[in-house]
PDB file of N, CA and C in Angstrom:
ATOM      1  N   UNK A   1      20.905  16.009  14.947  1.00  0.00           N
ATOM      2  CA  UNK A   1      20.824  17.454  14.940  1.00  0.00           C
ATOM      3  C   UNK A   1      19.356  17.855  14.812  1.00  0.00           C
ATOM      4  N   UNK A   2      18.893  18.689  15.696  1.00  0.00           N
ATOM      5  CA  UNK A   2      17.500  19.131  15.692  1.00  0.00           C
ATOM      6  C   UNK A   2      17.294  20.213  14.639  1.00  0.00           C
ATOM      7  N   UNK A   3      16.151  20.157  14.012  1.00  0.00           N
ATOM      8  CA  UNK A   3      15.816  21.129  12.989  1.00  0.00           C
ATOM      9  C   UNK A   3      15.315  22.418  13.655  1.00  0.00           C
ATOM     10  N   UNK A   4      15.711  23.593  13.130  1.00  0.00           N
ATOM     11  CA  UNK A   4      15.243  24.842  13.732  1.00  0.00           C
ATOM     12  C   UNK A   4      13.765  25.124  13.446  1.00  0.00           C
ATOM     13  N   UNK A   5      13.189  24.440  12.461  1.00  0.00           N
ATOM     14  CA  UNK A   5      11.780  24.642  12.127  1.00  0.00           C
ATOM     15  C   UNK A   5      10.947  23.641  12.924  1.00  0.00           C
ATOM     16  N   UNK A   6       9.897  24.102  13.632  1.00  0.00           N
ATOM     17  CA  UNK A   6       9.042  23.152  14.351  1.00  0.00           C
ATOM     18  C   UNK A   6       8.374  22.171  13.382  1.00  0.00           C
ATOM     19  N   UNK A   7       8.104  20.968  13.870  1.00  0.00           N
ATOM     20  CA  UNK A   7       7.535  19.914  13.023  1.00  0.00           C
ATOM     21  C   UNK A   7       6.184  20.346  12.472  1.00  0.00           C
ATOM     22  N   UNK A   8       5.404  21.082  13.239  1.00  0.00           N
ATOM     23  CA  UNK A   8       4.069  21.479  12.797  1.00  0.00           C
ATOM     24  C   UNK A   8       4.112  22.375  11.572  1.00  0.00           C
ATOM     25  N   UNK A   9       5.148  23.177  11.426  1.00  0.00           N
ATOM     26  CA  UNK A   9       5.227  24.130  10.325  1.00  0.00           C
ATOM     27  C   UNK A   9       5.920  23.567   9.082  1.00  0.00           C
ATOM     28  N   UNK A  10       6.429  22.348   9.148  1.00  0.00           N
ATOM     29  CA  UNK A  10       7.109  21.757   8.003  1.00  0.00           C
ATOM     30  C   UNK A  10       6.107  21.274   6.967  1.00  0.00           C
ATOM     31  N   UNK A  11       6.539  21.265   5.720  1.00  0.00           N
ATOM     32  CA  UNK A  11       5.740  20.677   4.660  1.00  0.00           C
ATOM     33  C   UNK A  11       5.958  19.169   4.684  1.00  0.00           C
ATOM     34  N   UNK A  12       5.059  18.428   4.062  1.00  0.00           N
ATOM     35  CA  UNK A  12       5.129  16.969   4.086  1.00  0.00           C
ATOM     36  C   UNK A  12       6.446  16.454   3.514  1.00  0.00           C
ATOM     37  N   UNK A  13       6.932  17.069   2.456  1.00  0.00           N
ATOM     38  CA  UNK A  13       8.164  16.593   1.832  1.00  0.00           C
ATOM     39  C   UNK A  13       9.399  16.885   2.678  1.00  0.00           C
ATOM     40  N   UNK A  14       9.289  17.774   3.683  1.00  0.00           N
ATOM     41  CA  UNK A  14      10.422  18.110   4.539  1.00  0.00           C
ATOM     42  C   UNK A  14      10.434  17.313   5.835  1.00  0.00           C
ATOM     43  N   UNK A  15       9.392  16.532   6.093  1.00  0.00           N
ATOM     44  CA  UNK A  15       9.287  15.771   7.335  1.00  0.00           C
ATOM     45  C   UNK A  15      10.079  14.482   7.196  1.00  0.00           C
ATOM     46  N   UNK A  16      10.884  14.184   8.221  1.00  0.00           N
ATOM     47  CA  UNK A  16      11.626  12.925   8.224  1.00  0.00           C
ATOM     48  C   UNK A  16      10.690  11.794   8.627  1.00  0.00           C
ATOM     49  N   UNK A  17      11.059  10.574   8.306  1.00  0.00           N
ATOM     50  CA  UNK A  17      10.197   9.421   8.537  1.00  0.00           C
ATOM     51  C   UNK A  17       9.877   9.239  10.017  1.00  0.00           C
ATOM     52  N   UNK A  18      10.819   9.519  10.895  1.00  0.00           N
ATOM     53  CA  UNK A  18      10.580   9.396  12.331  1.00  0.00           C
ATOM     54  C   UNK A  18       9.639  10.459  12.870  1.00  0.00           C
ATOM     55  N   UNK A  19       9.571  11.603  12.214  1.00  0.00           N
ATOM     56  CA  UNK A  19       8.704  12.698  12.648  1.00  0.00           C
ATOM     57  C   UNK A  19       7.296  12.597  12.070  1.00  0.00           C
ATOM     58  N   UNK A  20       7.070  11.666  11.135  1.00  0.00           N
ATOM     59  CA  UNK A  20       5.805  11.589  10.413  1.00  0.00           C
ATOM     60  C   UNK A  20       4.591  11.359  11.314  1.00  0.00           C
ATOM     61  N   UNK A  21       4.614  10.409  12.261  1.00  0.00           N
ATOM     62  CA  UNK A  21       3.422  10.236  13.113  1.00  0.00           C
ATOM     63  C   UNK A  21       3.072  11.488  13.903  1.00  0.00           C
ATOM     64  N   UNK A  22       4.078  12.159  14.443  1.00  0.00           N
ATOM     65  CA  UNK A  22       3.822  13.400  15.180  1.00  0.00           C
ATOM     66  C   UNK A  22       3.299  14.501  14.280  1.00  0.00           C
ATOM     67  N   UNK A  23       3.812  14.552  13.053  1.00  0.00           N
ATOM     68  CA  UNK A  23       3.367  15.569  12.097  1.00  0.00           C
ATOM     69  C   UNK A  23       1.911  15.343  11.719  1.00  0.00           C
ATOM     70  N   UNK A  24       1.526  14.078  11.504  1.00  0.00           N
ATOM     71  CA  UNK A  24       0.143  13.763  11.149  1.00  0.00           C
ATOM     72  C   UNK A  24      -0.796  14.109  12.295  1.00  0.00           C
ATOM     73  N   UNK A  25      -0.382  13.818  13.515  1.00  0.00           N
ATOM     74  CA  UNK A  25      -1.237  14.113  14.671  1.00  0.00           C
ATOM     75  C   UNK A  25      -1.420  15.611  14.892  1.00  0.00           C
ATOM     76  N   UNK A  26      -0.491  16.423  14.410  1.00  0.00           N
ATOM     77  CA  UNK A  26      -0.601  17.879  14.573  1.00  0.00           C
ATOM     78  C   UNK A  26      -1.469  18.526  13.501  1.00  0.00           C
ATOM     79  N   UNK A  27      -1.871  17.788  12.479  1.00  0.00           N
ATOM     80  CA  UNK A  27      -2.708  18.352  11.416  1.00  0.00           C
ATOM     81  C   UNK A  27      -4.111  18.614  11.927  1.00  0.00           C
ATOM     82  N   UNK A  28      -4.796  19.539  11.288  1.00  0.00           N
ATOM     83  CA  UNK A  28      -6.161  19.921  11.644  1.00  0.00           C
ATOM     84  C   UNK A  28      -7.133  19.136  10.769  1.00  0.00           C
ATOM     85  N   UNK A  29      -7.872  18.192  11.373  1.00  0.00           N
ATOM     86  CA  UNK A  29      -8.785  17.355  10.621  1.00  0.00           C
ATOM     87  C   UNK A  29     -10.239  17.794  10.757  1.00  0.00           C
ATOM     88  N   UNK A  30     -10.466  19.019  11.167  1.00  0.00           N
ATOM     89  CA  UNK A  30     -11.824  19.552  11.190  1.00  0.00           C
ATOM     90  C   UNK A  30     -12.223  19.894   9.754  1.00  0.00           C
ATOM     91  N   UNK A  31     -13.508  20.069   9.478  1.00  0.00           N
ATOM     92  CA  UNK A  31     -13.903  20.444   8.108  1.00  0.00           C
ATOM     93  C   UNK A  31     -13.223  21.732   7.632  1.00  0.00           C
ATOM     94  N   UNK A  32     -13.043  22.684   8.523  1.00  0.00           N
ATOM     95  CA  UNK A  32     -12.372  23.931   8.142  1.00  0.00           C
ATOM     96  C   UNK A  32     -10.900  23.688   7.814  1.00  0.00           C
ATOM     97  N   UNK A  33     -10.243  22.799   8.565  1.00  0.00           N
ATOM     98  CA  UNK A  33      -8.842  22.484   8.307  1.00  0.00           C
ATOM     99  C   UNK A  33      -8.647  21.742   6.998  1.00  0.00           C
ATOM    100  N   UNK A  34      -9.548  20.811   6.707  1.00  0.00           N
ATOM    101  CA  UNK A  34      -9.465  20.064   5.449  1.00  0.00           C
ATOM    102  C   UNK A  34      -9.729  20.992   4.265  1.00  0.00           C
ATOM    103  N   UNK A  35     -10.713  21.870   4.406  1.00  0.00           N
ATOM    104  CA  UNK A  35     -10.994  22.837   3.334  1.00  0.00           C
ATOM    105  C   UNK A  35      -9.800  23.761   3.121  1.00  0.00           C
ATOM    106  N   UNK A  36      -9.156  24.176   4.200  1.00  0.00           N
ATOM    107  CA  UNK A  36      -7.970  25.021   4.077  1.00  0.00           C
ATOM    108  C   UNK A  36      -6.821  24.303   3.382  1.00  0.00           C
ATOM    109  N   UNK A  37      -6.669  23.006   3.656  1.00  0.00           N
ATOM    110  CA  UNK A  37      -5.611  22.234   3.003  1.00  0.00           C
ATOM    111  C   UNK A  37      -5.867  22.136   1.500  1.00  0.00           C
ATOM    112  N   UNK A  38      -7.117  21.883   1.109  1.00  0.00           N
ATOM    113  CA  UNK A  38      -7.442  21.844  -0.317  1.00  0.00           C
ATOM    114  C   UNK A  38      -7.223  23.207  -0.960  1.00  0.00           C
ATOM    115  N   UNK A  39      -7.568  24.257  -0.244  1.00  0.00           N
ATOM    116  CA  UNK A  39      -7.399  25.602  -0.790  1.00  0.00           C
ATOM    117  C   UNK A  39      -5.918  25.926  -0.970  1.00  0.00           C
ATOM    118  N   UNK A  40      -5.084  25.526  -0.009  1.00  0.00           N
ATOM    119  CA  UNK A  40      -3.647  25.780  -0.137  1.00  0.00           C
ATOM    120  C   UNK A  40      -3.046  24.993  -1.295  1.00  0.00           C
ATOM    121  N   UNK A  41      -3.621  23.856  -1.640  1.00  0.00           N
ATOM    122  CA  UNK A  41      -3.121  23.098  -2.772  1.00  0.00           C
ATOM    123  C   UNK A  41      -3.702  23.561  -4.096  1.00  0.00           C
ATOM    124  N   UNK A  42      -4.918  24.092  -4.050  1.00  0.00           N
ATOM    125  CA  UNK A  42      -5.602  24.486  -5.280  1.00  0.00           C
ATOM    126  C   UNK A  42      -4.957  25.715  -5.920  1.00  0.00           C
ATOM    127  N   UNK A  43      -4.669  26.741  -5.134  1.00  0.00           N
ATOM    128  CA  UNK A  43      -4.155  27.982  -5.706  1.00  0.00           C
ATOM    129  C   UNK A  43      -2.802  27.823  -6.384  1.00  0.00           C
ATOM    130  N   UNK A  44      -1.838  27.121  -5.802  1.00  0.00           N
ATOM    131  CA  UNK A  44      -0.588  26.915  -6.562  1.00  0.00           C
ATOM    132  C   UNK A  44      -0.801  26.109  -7.843  1.00  0.00           C
ATOM    133  N   UNK A  45      -1.657  25.098  -7.795  1.00  0.00           N
ATOM    134  CA  UNK A  45      -1.958  24.305  -8.990  1.00  0.00           C
ATOM    135  C   UNK A  45      -2.601  25.187 -10.057  1.00  0.00           C
ATOM    136  N   UNK A  46      -3.581  25.985  -9.657  1.00  0.00           N
ATOM    137  CA  UNK A  46      -4.285  26.852 -10.605  1.00  0.00           C
ATOM    138  C   UNK A  46      -3.326  27.848 -11.241  1.00  0.00           C
ATOM    139  N   UNK A  47      -2.472  28.456 -10.440  1.00  0.00           N
ATOM    140  CA  UNK A  47      -1.553  29.460 -10.972  1.00  0.00           C
ATOM    141  C   UNK A  47      -0.468  28.854 -11.849  1.00  0.00           C
ATOM    142  N   UNK A  48      -0.097  27.595 -11.591  1.00  0.00           N
ATOM    143  CA  UNK A  48       0.964  26.973 -12.377  1.00  0.00           C
ATOM    144  C   UNK A  48       0.460  26.391 -13.692  1.00  0.00           C
ATOM    145  N   UNK A  49      -0.725  25.784 -13.697  1.00  0.00           N
ATOM    146  CA  UNK A  49      -1.172  25.055 -14.880  1.00  0.00           C
ATOM    147  C   UNK A  49      -2.354  25.681 -15.614  1.00  0.00           C
ATOM    148  N   UNK A  50      -3.208  26.431 -14.938  1.00  0.00           N
ATOM    149  CA  UNK A  50      -4.422  26.933 -15.572  1.00  0.00           C
ATOM    150  C   UNK A  50      -4.311  28.416 -15.892  1.00  0.00           C
ATOM    151  N   UNK A  51      -3.864  29.207 -14.966  1.00  0.00           N
ATOM    152  CA  UNK A  51      -3.809  30.659 -15.130  1.00  0.00           C
ATOM    153  C   UNK A  51      -2.444  31.075 -15.683  1.00  0.00           C
ATOM    154  N   UNK A  52      -2.178  30.751 -16.938  1.00  0.00           N
ATOM    155  CA  UNK A  52      -0.905  31.074 -17.563  1.00  0.00           C
ATOM    156  C   UNK A  52      -1.165  31.848 -18.850  1.00  0.00           C
ATOM    157  N   UNK A  53      -0.127  32.535 -19.360  1.00  0.00           N
ATOM    158  CA  UNK A  53      -0.290  33.323 -20.580  1.00  0.00           C
ATOM    159  C   UNK A  53      -0.511  32.427 -21.788  1.00  0.00           C
ATOM    160  N   UNK A  54       0.332  31.434 -21.955  1.00  0.00           N
ATOM    161  CA  UNK A  54       0.208  30.526 -23.096  1.00  0.00           C
ATOM    162  C   UNK A  54      -0.246  29.173 -22.552  1.00  0.00           C
ATOM    163  N   UNK A  55      -1.501  29.084 -22.235  1.00  0.00           N
ATOM    164  CA  UNK A  55      -2.022  27.865 -21.645  1.00  0.00           C
ATOM    165  C   UNK A  55      -2.362  26.810 -22.672  1.00  0.00           C
ATOM    166  N   UNK A  56      -2.423  25.584 -22.204  1.00  0.00           N
ATOM    167  CA  UNK A  56      -2.872  24.481 -23.032  1.00  0.00           C
ATOM    168  C   UNK A  56      -3.771  23.598 -22.166  1.00  0.00           C
ATOM    169  N   UNK A  57      -4.076  22.438 -22.636  1.00  0.00           N
ATOM    170  CA  UNK A  57      -5.030  21.584 -21.937  1.00  0.00           C
ATOM    171  C   UNK A  57      -4.385  20.743 -20.837  1.00  0.00           C
ATOM    172  N   UNK A  58      -3.117  20.950 -20.543  1.00  0.00           N
ATOM    173  CA  UNK A  58      -2.424  20.096 -19.581  1.00  0.00           C
ATOM    174  C   UNK A  58      -3.046  20.174 -18.188  1.00  0.00           C
ATOM    175  N   UNK A  59      -3.329  21.370 -17.703  1.00  0.00           N
ATOM    176  CA  UNK A  59      -3.875  21.516 -16.361  1.00  0.00           C
ATOM    177  C   UNK A  59      -5.239  20.886 -16.208  1.00  0.00           C
ATOM    178  N   UNK A  60      -6.095  21.136 -17.151  1.00  0.00           N
ATOM    179  CA  UNK A  60      -7.449  20.600 -17.077  1.00  0.00           C
ATOM    180  C   UNK A  60      -7.441  19.093 -17.342  1.00  0.00           C
ATOM    181  N   UNK A  61      -6.550  18.629 -18.220  1.00  0.00           N
ATOM    182  CA  UNK A  61      -6.502  17.192 -18.495  1.00  0.00           C
ATOM    183  C   UNK A  61      -6.010  16.409 -17.283  1.00  0.00           C
ATOM    184  N   UNK A  62      -5.152  16.998 -16.452  1.00  0.00           N
ATOM    185  CA  UNK A  62      -4.716  16.314 -15.225  1.00  0.00           C
ATOM    186  C   UNK A  62      -5.886  16.144 -14.268  1.00  0.00           C
ATOM    187  N   UNK A  63      -6.719  17.161 -14.146  1.00  0.00           N
ATOM    188  CA  UNK A  63      -7.897  17.056 -13.285  1.00  0.00           C
ATOM    189  C   UNK A  63      -8.848  16.009 -13.837  1.00  0.00           C
ATOM    190  N   UNK A  64      -9.042  16.001 -15.138  1.00  0.00           N
ATOM    191  CA  UNK A  64      -9.912  15.014 -15.762  1.00  0.00           C
ATOM    192  C   UNK A  64      -9.369  13.597 -15.573  1.00  0.00           C
ATOM    193  N   UNK A  65      -8.066  13.413 -15.722  1.00  0.00           N
ATOM    194  CA  UNK A  65      -7.464  12.095 -15.527  1.00  0.00           C
ATOM    195  C   UNK A  65      -7.615  11.633 -14.084  1.00  0.00           C
ATOM    196  N   UNK A  66      -7.441  12.539 -13.133  1.00  0.00           N
ATOM    197  CA  UNK A  66      -7.622  12.190 -11.724  1.00  0.00           C
ATOM    198  C   UNK A  66      -9.070  11.810 -11.446  1.00  0.00           C
ATOM    199  N   UNK A  67     -10.001  12.512 -12.064  1.00  0.00           N
ATOM    200  CA  UNK A  67     -11.426  12.208 -11.897  1.00  0.00           C
ATOM    201  C   UNK A  67     -11.761  10.827 -12.449  1.00  0.00           C
ATOM    202  N   UNK A  68     -11.238  10.514 -13.636  1.00  0.00           N
ATOM    203  CA  UNK A  68     -11.488   9.212 -14.248  1.00  0.00           C
ATOM    204  C   UNK A  68     -10.874   8.101 -13.405  1.00  0.00           C
ATOM    205  N   UNK A  69      -9.655   8.288 -12.937  1.00  0.00           N
ATOM    206  CA  UNK A  69      -9.005   7.287 -12.095  1.00  0.00           C
ATOM    207  C   UNK A  69      -9.754   7.082 -10.793  1.00  0.00           C
ATOM    208  N   UNK A  70     -10.213   8.172 -10.174  1.00  0.00           N
ATOM    209  CA  UNK A  70     -10.972   8.072  -8.928  1.00  0.00           C
ATOM    210  C   UNK A  70     -12.255   7.271  -9.145  1.00  0.00           C
ATOM    211  N   UNK A  71     -12.984   7.560 -10.213  1.00  0.00           N
ATOM    212  CA  UNK A  71     -14.228   6.837 -10.483  1.00  0.00           C
ATOM    213  C   UNK A  71     -13.978   5.380 -10.843  1.00  0.00           C
ATOM    214  N   UNK A  72     -12.888   5.104 -11.540  1.00  0.00           N
ATOM    215  CA  UNK A  72     -12.563   3.715 -11.856  1.00  0.00           C
ATOM    216  C   UNK A  72     -12.266   2.934 -10.574  1.00  0.00           C
ATOM    217  N   UNK A  73     -11.489   3.540  -9.671  1.00  0.00           N
ATOM    218  CA  UNK A  73     -11.184   2.875  -8.398  1.00  0.00           C
ATOM    219  C   UNK A  73     -12.450   2.686  -7.568  1.00  0.00           C
ATOM    220  N   UNK A  74     -13.340   3.651  -7.620  1.00  0.00           N
ATOM    221  CA  UNK A  74     -14.578   3.574  -6.850  1.00  0.00           C
ATOM    222  C   UNK A  74     -15.492   2.476  -7.386  1.00  0.00           C
ATOM    223  N   UNK A  75     -15.527   2.273  -8.680  1.00  0.00           N
ATOM    224  CA  UNK A  75     -16.434   1.312  -9.311  1.00  0.00           C
ATOM    225  C   UNK A  75     -15.748   0.005  -9.682  1.00  0.00           C
ATOM    226  N   UNK A  76     -14.533  -0.236  -9.230  1.00  0.00           N
ATOM    227  CA  UNK A  76     -13.783  -1.410  -9.657  1.00  0.00           C
ATOM    228  C   UNK A  76     -14.483  -2.708  -9.288  1.00  0.00           C
ATOM    229  N   UNK A  77     -15.090  -2.745  -8.122  1.00  0.00           N
ATOM    230  CA  UNK A  77     -15.760  -3.967  -7.678  1.00  0.00           C
ATOM    231  C   UNK A  77     -16.879  -4.361  -8.653  1.00  0.00           C
ATOM    232  N   UNK A  78     -17.692  -3.398  -9.055  1.00  0.00           N
ATOM    233  CA  UNK A  78     -18.762  -3.682 -10.003  1.00  0.00           C
ATOM    234  C   UNK A  78     -18.208  -4.017 -11.387  1.00  0.00           C
ATOM    235  N   UNK A  79     -17.157  -3.326 -11.825  1.00  0.00           N
ATOM    236  CA  UNK A  79     -16.566  -3.603 -13.131  1.00  0.00           C
ATOM    237  C   UNK A  79     -15.942  -4.993 -13.171  1.00  0.00           C
ATOM    238  N   UNK A  80     -15.320  -5.399 -12.085  1.00  0.00           N
ATOM    239  CA  UNK A  80     -14.736  -6.726 -12.017  1.00  0.00           C
ATOM    240  C   UNK A  80     -15.823  -7.793 -12.110  1.00  0.00           C
ATOM    241  N   UNK A  81     -16.938  -7.544 -11.431  1.00  0.00           N
ATOM    242  CA  UNK A  81     -18.053  -8.483 -11.471  1.00  0.00           C
ATOM    243  C   UNK A  81     -18.617  -8.589 -12.885  1.00  0.00           C
ATOM    244  N   UNK A  82     -18.734  -7.470 -13.585  1.00  0.00           N
ATOM    245  CA  UNK A  82     -19.236  -7.472 -14.958  1.00  0.00           C
ATOM    246  C   UNK A  82     -18.298  -8.228 -15.898  1.00  0.00           C
ATOM    247  N   UNK A  83     -17.003  -8.084 -15.678  1.00  0.00           N
ATOM    248  CA  UNK A  83     -16.022  -8.721 -16.547  1.00  0.00           C
ATOM    249  C   UNK A  83     -16.097 -10.246 -16.442  1.00  0.00           C
ATOM    250  N   UNK A  84     -16.383 -10.756 -15.252  1.00  0.00           N
ATOM    251  CA  UNK A  84     -16.406 -12.194 -15.037  1.00  0.00           C
ATOM    252  C   UNK A  84     -17.735 -12.842 -15.430  1.00  0.00           C
ATOM    253  N   UNK A  85     -18.752 -12.041 -15.713  1.00  0.00           N
ATOM    254  CA  UNK A  85     -20.060 -12.564 -16.086  1.00  0.00           C
ATOM    255  C   UNK A  85     -20.042 -13.030 -17.543  1.00  0.00           C
ATOM    256  N   UNK A  86     -20.689 -14.161 -17.809  1.00  0.00           N
ATOM    257  CA  UNK A  86     -20.764 -14.693 -19.164  1.00  0.00           C
ATOM    258  C   UNK A  86     -22.034 -14.191 -19.833  1.00  0.00           C
ATOM    259  N   UNK A  87     -21.922 -13.781 -21.084  1.00  0.00           N
ATOM    260  CA  UNK A  87     -23.058 -13.234 -21.834  1.00  0.00           C
ATOM    261  C   UNK A  87     -23.526 -14.215 -22.904  1.00  0.00           C
ATOM    262  N   UNK A  88     -23.969 -15.367 -22.516  1.00  0.00           N
ATOM    263  CA  UNK A  88     -24.530 -16.295 -23.493  1.00  0.00           C
ATOM    264  C   UNK A  88     -25.631 -17.104 -22.880  1.00  0.00           C
TER     265      UNK A  88
END
């Protein structure tokens, strides 16, 4: 059964596995398209976790945790080398 919504307009979670390659090829990978994708993800995140009446550190701590994980993955090669070095 064909979906009434075109593949290009579907969200990632609504795309079936067979439609995934076509959906990826229809995305806009220009700098403006990538910036727009980040902007579309940023505003819902900001409104849900940061811009609330009774806020806590959950929203900001998730960003901090993602930053730490990203830097750890980026520097893993050097950290692994340091771990295997003998200090005597």
